[in-house]
Amino acid sequence: MEGLSPVLPATSSKDRQAWRLAQVVHDSYERSKLAGFLYLFGWAVVAWLAGAQQFAPLPTLAMAMAFLVLGLLRLAMRPPPAEDAAANRRWLRRYALVLPLAPLAWSGVQGWMLLDPRFGAEVRMVSLIATIGYATVFVNVYTTVRSFAVVGATALFLPTLVILWLDQDQRALAVAMTFYAVYLVGALLRTHVEYRRRLDLDIALREQRDLYEGLSRTDPLTGVCNRRHFSERLDALATRAREGGEGFCLLILDVDHFKHVNDRYGHAVGDACLQALADRLQQVFTPPLCLLARLGGEEFGVLMEAGEDEARRAAERLRASLVASPLVLDGRPMLVTASIGLGRFDPDRHGDADGLYRAVDSALYAAKDAGRDRIAADA
């Protein structure tokens, strides 16, 4: 049953890795899903400035179509659900193949413009500025996965540098571009470290938020849910059942003669008794099909995704367990018994969550009136 689970989330190393992976996938996609179209825009500008559509119409159109397809392909690769770690790893592997395609295509265009004399010096300079801009974007934006930035920036910059160094007339420009390439390496290392630190901070804040949220829904003495959380889930389950969803059972348990325990042994022993009882309850009523809560004092409540017969059998196991195996406090056995009321939600009869609670509470008092240490069902 959705939501019938421990209040405090167990954040393991595996959980952190899965969240980090999902965040990397999300950030990678969001940062780059529209960037592929920048290459189409850059090509449209330089092709128009050079008049490439006149002296090379087919290659010009082919490159435009290629950049458009690559942009659409990147946009279409939506990430899988965050909780599916295996699918997210597969997505990263596929994206690692798609992401460099547009930079490689632009590198080919850049090489064409540098080697073809029909592209004038002004157009070449504009294209080089675009190449610098694209490489800078890769280094400063696509640092979610360092290999993405390395491959993309290398695909954009390395062929251009080779061509410039081989041209005796472009040595000054080659030196300037080389110095900028060195800067890009440093920027890549810095931005990747900063991104990883931000992820670590996000994880720490997320865990702290979950911890505080869990504490606000937990009974501090026994560690089970508190009445506030229990009431919220009871209302939600009743609403779902009224709308045709799954039914559920409610059990209310009260320790028999608990006042005598406090009066005879003191409140410290009484608290230890409640803690031991909560441990025993959790052995019988286990998540995710059950939600256990301390409702106040010595009273506990259980929500179960089960039929009434199954709920009764579980309640009987608990009742019999308390009689056969007394709670152990400070190495000494202490016999306590419990009275239990139970009922299955019926929208026509109970109406809402409050109606069910009143009916089960009445069953609990009927069990007490009948001699305690027994189970009574809502009639």
Protein backbone atom coordinates (compact mmCIF):
# COMPACT_ATOMS: atom_id res chain seq x y z
CA MET A 1 0.00 0.00 0.00
CA GLU A 2 1.48 3.31 -1.01
CA GLY A 3 2.68 5.30 1.96
CA LEU A 4 2.47 2.42 4.50
CA SER A 5 6.21 2.46 5.09
CA PRO A 6 8.66 3.59 7.76
CA VAL A 7 8.53 7.31 8.44
CA LEU A 8 12.27 7.89 8.57
CA PRO A 9 13.80 7.21 5.12
CA ALA A 10 16.88 5.03 5.19
CA THR A 11 19.39 6.90 3.06
CA SER A 12 22.04 4.35 2.18
CA SER A 13 25.10 4.75 0.03
CA LYS A 14 23.17 3.05 -2.77
CA ASP A 15 20.32 5.56 -2.38
CA ARG A 16 22.76 8.47 -2.60
CA GLN A 17 24.40 7.04 -5.72
CA ALA A 18 21.03 6.50 -7.38
CA TRP A 19 19.93 10.05 -6.58
CA ARG A 20 23.25 11.46 -7.80
CA LEU A 21 22.96 9.49 -11.04
CA ALA A 22 19.40 10.68 -11.62
CA GLN A 23 20.42 14.29 -10.95
CA VAL A 24 23.36 14.05 -13.36
CA VAL A 25 21.04 12.68 -16.04
CA HIS A 26 18.46 15.40 -15.40
CA ASP A 27 21.04 18.19 -15.43
CA SER A 28 22.75 16.84 -18.55
CA TYR A 29 19.50 16.80 -20.47
CA GLU A 30 18.17 20.14 -19.24
CA ARG A 31 21.45 21.92 -20.00
CA SER A 32 21.80 20.52 -23.50
CA LYS A 33 18.35 19.71 -24.84
CA LEU A 34 18.10 22.97 -26.86
CA ALA A 35 21.79 23.68 -27.32
CA GLY A 36 21.97 21.45 -30.37
CA PHE A 37 20.03 24.06 -32.32
CA LEU A 38 22.78 26.63 -31.68
CA TYR A 39 24.89 24.88 -34.31
CA LEU A 40 22.07 25.27 -36.82
CA PHE A 41 21.87 28.97 -35.98
CA GLY A 42 25.66 29.38 -36.27
CA TRP A 43 25.75 27.63 -39.60
CA ALA A 44 22.86 29.73 -40.92
CA VAL A 45 24.75 32.92 -40.01
CA VAL A 46 28.14 31.99 -41.50
CA ALA A 47 26.57 30.41 -44.59
CA TRP A 48 24.56 33.57 -45.20
CA LEU A 49 27.58 35.82 -44.65
CA ALA A 50 29.67 33.75 -47.07
CA GLY A 51 26.90 33.25 -49.62
CA ALA A 52 27.46 29.49 -49.37
CA GLN A 53 23.94 28.80 -50.58
CA GLN A 54 25.04 30.18 -53.97
CA PHE A 55 28.40 28.49 -54.54
CA ALA A 56 27.62 25.26 -52.62
CA PRO A 57 23.83 24.96 -52.31
CA LEU A 58 23.62 21.20 -51.72
CA PRO A 59 26.34 21.01 -49.00
CA THR A 60 24.86 24.09 -47.37
CA LEU A 61 21.39 22.54 -47.23
CA ALA A 62 22.80 19.16 -46.18
CA MET A 63 24.66 20.69 -43.24
CA ALA A 64 21.59 22.64 -42.17
CA MET A 65 19.49 19.48 -42.25
CA ALA A 66 22.16 17.58 -40.32
CA PHE A 67 22.27 20.18 -37.56
CA LEU A 68 18.46 20.22 -37.41
CA VAL A 69 18.25 16.43 -37.11
CA LEU A 70 20.97 16.32 -34.45
CA GLY A 71 19.21 19.04 -32.47
CA LEU A 72 15.90 17.17 -32.64
CA LEU A 73 17.60 13.91 -31.70
CA ARG A 74 19.12 15.47 -28.59
CA LEU A 75 15.79 17.05 -27.64
CA ALA A 76 13.94 13.74 -28.06
CA MET A 77 16.20 11.81 -25.69
CA ARG A 78 14.17 12.45 -22.57
CA PRO A 79 15.57 10.96 -19.36
CA PRO A 80 13.99 7.84 -17.82
CA PRO A 81 12.30 7.89 -14.39
CA ALA A 82 14.65 9.04 -11.65
CA GLU A 83 14.16 5.88 -9.57
CA ASP A 84 15.31 3.55 -12.39
CA ALA A 85 19.08 3.56 -11.89
CA ALA A 86 19.78 0.96 -14.58
CA ALA A 87 17.80 2.92 -17.17
CA ASN A 88 19.62 6.12 -16.21
CA ARG A 89 23.00 4.45 -16.71
CA ARG A 90 21.90 3.23 -20.15
CA TRP A 91 20.68 6.73 -20.98
CA LEU A 92 24.06 8.24 -20.13
CA ARG A 93 25.83 5.73 -22.35
CA ARG A 94 23.53 6.53 -25.28
CA TYR A 95 23.74 10.26 -24.67
CA ALA A 96 27.52 10.04 -24.64
CA LEU A 97 27.27 8.89 -28.27
CA VAL A 98 24.73 11.52 -29.34
CA LEU A 99 26.10 14.62 -27.60
CA PRO A 100 29.41 14.85 -29.55
CA LEU A 101 27.76 14.46 -32.97
CA ALA A 102 26.86 18.13 -33.40
CA PRO A 103 30.32 19.34 -32.26
CA LEU A 104 31.94 16.91 -34.70
CA ALA A 105 29.71 18.16 -37.49
CA TRP A 106 30.57 21.77 -36.64
CA SER A 107 34.27 20.87 -36.56
CA GLY A 108 33.89 19.56 -40.10
CA VAL A 109 32.18 22.79 -41.14
CA GLN A 110 34.92 24.82 -39.46
CA GLY A 111 37.59 22.87 -41.30
CA TRP A 112 35.78 23.44 -44.59
CA MET A 113 35.61 27.20 -43.96
CA LEU A 114 39.30 27.41 -43.03
CA LEU A 115 40.46 25.44 -46.09
CA ASP A 116 38.04 26.74 -48.74
CA PRO A 117 39.12 30.16 -50.10
CA ARG A 118 35.54 30.96 -51.05
CA PHE A 119 34.94 31.70 -47.37
CA GLY A 120 36.44 35.12 -46.72
CA ALA A 121 38.55 36.18 -43.74
CA GLU A 122 35.59 37.88 -42.06
CA VAL A 123 33.47 34.73 -42.27
CA ARG A 124 36.33 32.60 -40.94
CA MET A 125 36.74 34.91 -37.97
CA VAL A 126 33.01 34.72 -37.22
CA SER A 127 33.17 30.93 -37.43
CA LEU A 128 36.19 30.81 -35.11
CA ILE A 129 34.36 32.99 -32.59
CA ALA A 130 31.44 30.57 -32.79
CA THR A 131 33.81 27.64 -32.26
CA ILE A 132 35.28 29.33 -29.19
CA GLY A 133 31.79 30.00 -27.89
CA TYR A 134 30.62 26.42 -28.41
CA ALA A 135 33.74 25.01 -26.73
CA THR A 136 33.30 27.39 -23.80
CA VAL A 137 29.71 26.26 -23.41
CA PHE A 138 30.81 22.64 -23.32
CA VAL A 139 33.42 23.31 -20.66
CA ASN A 140 31.27 25.49 -18.41
CA VAL A 141 27.85 23.89 -18.88
CA TYR A 142 28.30 20.20 -19.69
CA THR A 143 30.40 19.40 -16.63
CA THR A 144 27.77 17.04 -15.27
CA VAL A 145 29.89 14.29 -16.81
CA ARG A 146 33.48 15.34 -17.33
CA SER A 147 33.91 13.10 -20.37
CA PHE A 148 31.04 14.94 -22.10
CA ALA A 149 32.89 18.25 -21.77
CA VAL A 150 36.26 16.75 -22.74
CA VAL A 151 34.97 14.99 -25.85
CA GLY A 152 32.83 17.91 -27.00
CA ALA A 153 35.49 20.58 -26.48
CA THR A 154 38.16 18.38 -28.09
CA ALA A 155 35.95 17.67 -31.09
CA LEU A 156 35.39 21.39 -31.55
CA PHE A 157 38.90 22.68 -30.88
CA LEU A 158 41.48 20.07 -31.88
CA PRO A 159 40.83 19.89 -35.66
CA THR A 160 40.73 23.68 -35.82
CA LEU A 161 44.05 23.97 -33.97
CA VAL A 162 45.69 21.43 -36.28
CA ILE A 163 44.55 23.30 -39.38
CA LEU A 164 45.67 26.67 -37.97
CA TRP A 165 49.11 25.36 -36.97
CA LEU A 166 49.64 23.83 -40.40
CA ASP A 167 48.92 27.18 -42.09
CA GLN A 168 51.99 29.41 -41.92
CA ASP A 169 49.83 32.51 -42.32
CA GLN A 170 47.69 31.63 -39.30
CA ARG A 171 50.40 31.02 -36.68
CA ALA A 172 49.46 34.04 -34.55
CA LEU A 173 45.85 32.90 -34.49
CA ALA A 174 47.02 29.34 -33.76
CA VAL A 175 49.00 30.55 -30.73
CA ALA A 176 46.02 32.55 -29.42
CA MET A 177 43.70 29.58 -29.88
CA THR A 178 46.20 27.28 -28.13
CA PHE A 179 46.37 29.59 -25.12
CA TYR A 180 42.59 29.58 -25.01
CA ALA A 181 42.58 25.78 -25.18
CA VAL A 182 44.81 25.70 -22.09
CA TYR A 183 42.36 28.01 -20.34
CA LEU A 184 39.52 25.67 -21.28
CA VAL A 185 41.31 22.73 -19.65
CA GLY A 186 41.63 24.65 -16.39
CA ALA A 187 38.04 25.85 -16.58
CA LEU A 188 36.85 22.30 -17.18
CA LEU A 189 38.61 20.99 -14.08
CA ARG A 190 37.27 23.85 -11.96
CA THR A 191 33.67 23.70 -13.12
CA HIS A 192 33.49 19.93 -12.78
CA VAL A 193 34.72 20.12 -9.19
CA GLU A 194 32.19 22.89 -8.47
CA TYR A 195 29.38 20.79 -9.94
CA ARG A 196 30.32 17.79 -7.80
CA ARG A 197 30.40 19.98 -4.71
CA ARG A 198 26.94 21.30 -5.54
CA LEU A 199 25.67 17.75 -5.90
CA ASP A 200 27.14 16.82 -2.51
CA LEU A 201 25.49 19.87 -0.96
CA ASP A 202 22.15 19.04 -2.60
CA ILE A 203 22.34 15.48 -1.26
CA ALA A 204 23.15 16.71 2.26
CA LEU A 205 20.27 19.21 2.18
CA ARG A 206 17.90 16.58 0.81
CA GLU A 207 18.83 14.11 3.55
CA GLN A 208 18.45 16.80 6.20
CA ARG A 209 15.03 17.75 4.83
CA ASP A 210 13.93 14.10 4.83
CA LEU A 211 15.24 13.67 8.36
CA TYR A 212 13.32 16.68 9.68
CA GLU A 213 10.20 15.61 7.85
CA GLY A 214 10.53 12.13 9.30
CA LEU A 215 11.06 13.44 12.81
CA SER A 216 7.95 15.58 12.51
CA ARG A 217 5.95 12.42 11.79
CA THR A 218 7.56 10.14 14.40
CA ASP A 219 6.73 9.44 18.02
CA PRO A 220 9.93 10.33 19.89
CA LEU A 221 9.54 7.62 22.56
CA THR A 222 8.82 4.53 20.48
CA GLY A 223 10.15 5.51 17.04
CA VAL A 224 6.91 4.56 15.27
CA CYS A 225 4.63 7.05 13.51
CA ASN A 226 2.88 9.70 15.53
CA ARG A 227 -0.83 10.39 15.56
CA ARG A 228 -0.56 13.26 13.08
CA HIS A 229 0.93 11.09 10.37
CA PHE A 230 -1.43 8.25 11.20
CA SER A 231 -4.48 10.49 10.87
CA GLU A 232 -3.27 11.83 7.52
CA ARG A 233 -2.83 8.31 6.13
CA LEU A 234 -6.16 7.17 7.54
CA ASP A 235 -7.93 10.07 5.81
CA ALA A 236 -6.12 9.41 2.55
CA LEU A 237 -6.92 5.69 2.57
CA ALA A 238 -10.57 6.31 3.37
CA THR A 239 -10.81 8.82 0.50
CA ARG A 240 -9.21 6.34 -1.88
CA ALA A 241 -11.55 3.55 -0.77
CA ARG A 242 -14.61 5.78 -1.28
CA GLU A 243 -13.41 6.42 -4.84
CA GLY A 244 -13.27 2.70 -5.60
CA GLY A 245 -9.71 1.98 -4.49
CA GLU A 246 -8.44 -0.82 -2.28
CA GLY A 247 -9.99 -1.37 1.12
CA PHE A 248 -8.10 -1.49 4.38
CA CYS A 249 -8.40 -2.39 8.05
CA LEU A 250 -7.88 -0.32 11.17
CA LEU A 251 -6.74 -1.79 14.49
CA ILE A 252 -6.57 0.10 17.78
CA LEU A 253 -4.65 -1.51 20.62
CA ASP A 254 -4.57 -0.49 24.27
CA VAL A 255 -2.32 -1.96 26.99
CA ASP A 256 -4.40 -3.47 29.78
CA HIS A 257 -3.97 -1.91 33.23
CA PHE A 258 -1.02 0.16 32.12
CA LYS A 259 -1.62 2.62 34.95
CA HIS A 260 -0.63 -0.14 37.38
CA VAL A 261 2.73 -0.48 35.61
CA ASN A 262 3.46 3.22 36.04
CA ASP A 263 2.23 3.27 39.64
CA ARG A 264 4.19 0.19 40.69
CA TYR A 265 7.44 0.53 38.73
CA GLY A 266 7.58 4.21 37.81
CA HIS A 267 7.26 6.09 34.56
CA ALA A 268 10.76 5.16 33.38
CA VAL A 269 9.78 1.48 33.39
CA GLY A 270 6.46 2.40 31.82
CA ASP A 271 8.28 4.13 28.98
CA ALA A 272 10.57 1.13 28.53
CA CYS A 273 7.48 -1.07 28.43
CA LEU A 274 5.98 1.00 25.62
CA GLN A 275 9.25 0.88 23.69
CA ALA A 276 9.43 -2.91 24.03
CA LEU A 277 5.79 -3.22 23.01
CA ALA A 278 6.42 -1.06 19.92
CA ASP A 279 9.28 -3.40 18.96
CA ARG A 280 6.98 -6.40 19.33
CA LEU A 281 4.28 -4.70 17.28
CA GLN A 282 6.73 -4.01 14.47
CA GLN A 283 7.59 -7.70 14.32
CA VAL A 284 3.95 -8.54 13.61
CA PHE A 285 2.78 -5.52 11.63
CA THR A 286 5.52 -4.97 9.06
CA PRO A 287 5.68 -2.39 6.24
CA PRO A 288 4.86 -1.78 3.48
CA LEU A 289 1.46 -3.42 4.04
CA CYS A 290 1.12 -2.04 7.56
CA LEU A 291 1.52 1.37 9.15
CA LEU A 292 2.03 1.42 12.90
CA ALA A 293 1.60 4.50 15.10
CA ARG A 294 1.42 5.49 18.72
CA LEU A 295 -1.86 7.32 19.15
CA GLY A 296 -1.17 8.57 22.66
CA GLY A 297 -0.39 7.15 26.08
CA GLU A 298 -0.48 3.34 25.89
CA GLU A 299 -2.65 3.28 22.76
CA PHE A 300 -1.37 2.19 19.34
CA GLY A 301 -3.00 2.12 15.93
CA VAL A 302 -2.36 -0.03 12.85
CA LEU A 303 -3.47 0.46 9.25
CA MET A 304 -3.39 -2.75 7.22
CA GLU A 305 -3.90 -3.50 3.57
CA ALA A 306 -5.72 -6.70 4.31
CA GLY A 307 -9.09 -8.29 4.75
CA GLU A 308 -10.71 -8.49 8.17
CA ASP A 309 -9.82 -12.17 8.64
CA GLU A 310 -6.16 -11.53 7.95
CA ALA A 311 -6.16 -8.52 10.26
CA ARG A 312 -7.75 -10.60 13.00
CA ARG A 313 -5.13 -13.34 12.60
CA ALA A 314 -2.33 -10.78 12.88
CA ALA A 315 -3.95 -9.26 15.96
CA GLU A 316 -4.28 -12.71 17.52
CA ARG A 317 -0.62 -13.46 16.84
CA LEU A 318 0.30 -10.32 18.72
CA ARG A 319 -2.08 -11.00 21.62
CA ALA A 320 -0.86 -14.59 21.98
CA SER A 321 2.77 -13.50 21.69
CA LEU A 322 2.41 -11.09 24.61
CA VAL A 323 0.99 -13.89 26.77
CA ALA A 324 3.46 -16.59 25.70
CA SER A 325 6.58 -14.38 25.60
CA PRO A 326 6.40 -11.53 28.12
CA LEU A 327 8.25 -8.32 27.38
CA VAL A 328 11.76 -8.18 28.79
CA LEU A 329 12.71 -5.00 30.66
CA ASP A 330 16.19 -4.67 32.16
CA GLY A 331 16.59 -8.43 31.91
CA ARG A 332 13.33 -9.14 33.73
CA PRO A 333 10.17 -10.47 32.08
CA MET A 334 7.05 -8.34 32.41
CA LEU A 335 3.68 -9.78 31.49
CA VAL A 336 1.40 -7.27 29.81
CA THR A 337 -1.71 -7.96 27.81
CA ALA A 338 -3.58 -5.87 25.30
CA SER A 339 -7.14 -5.33 24.17
CA ILE A 340 -7.64 -4.80 20.45
CA GLY A 341 -10.46 -3.38 18.38
CA LEU A 342 -10.51 -3.83 14.63
CA GLY A 343 -12.65 -3.10 11.60
CA ARG A 344 -12.53 -2.92 7.81
CA PHE A 345 -13.55 0.33 6.19
CA ASP A 346 -17.00 0.27 4.61
CA PRO A 347 -17.82 3.57 2.86
CA ASP A 348 -21.57 2.94 3.10
CA ARG A 349 -21.49 2.17 6.82
CA HIS A 350 -18.64 4.31 8.13
CA GLY A 351 -18.87 7.22 5.72
CA ASP A 352 -15.38 8.56 6.32
CA ALA A 353 -12.20 8.00 8.33
CA ASP A 354 -13.69 9.46 11.51
CA GLY A 355 -16.62 7.07 11.26
CA LEU A 356 -14.30 4.08 11.01
CA TYR A 357 -12.17 5.33 13.91
CA ARG A 358 -15.20 5.75 16.16
CA ALA A 359 -16.46 2.28 15.28
CA VAL A 360 -13.11 0.58 15.96
CA ASP A 361 -12.65 2.58 19.16
CA SER A 362 -16.04 1.31 20.31
CA ALA A 363 -14.91 -2.24 19.49
CA LEU A 364 -11.81 -1.68 21.62
CA TYR A 365 -13.93 -0.67 24.60
CA ALA A 366 -16.15 -3.68 24.01
CA ALA A 367 -13.03 -5.89 24.28
CA LYS A 368 -12.13 -4.19 27.57
CA ASP A 369 -15.66 -4.55 28.92
CA ALA A 370 -15.63 -8.24 28.00
CA GLY A 371 -12.62 -8.91 30.25
CA ARG A 372 -9.58 -7.45 28.38
CA ASP A 373 -6.79 -9.45 26.69
CA ARG A 374 -9.00 -10.10 23.71
CA ILE A 375 -10.00 -8.88 20.24
CA ALA A 376 -13.32 -7.36 19.29
CA ALA A 377 -14.39 -6.52 15.75
CA ASP A 378 -16.55 -3.66 14.60
CA ALA A 379 -19.98 -5.22 14.19
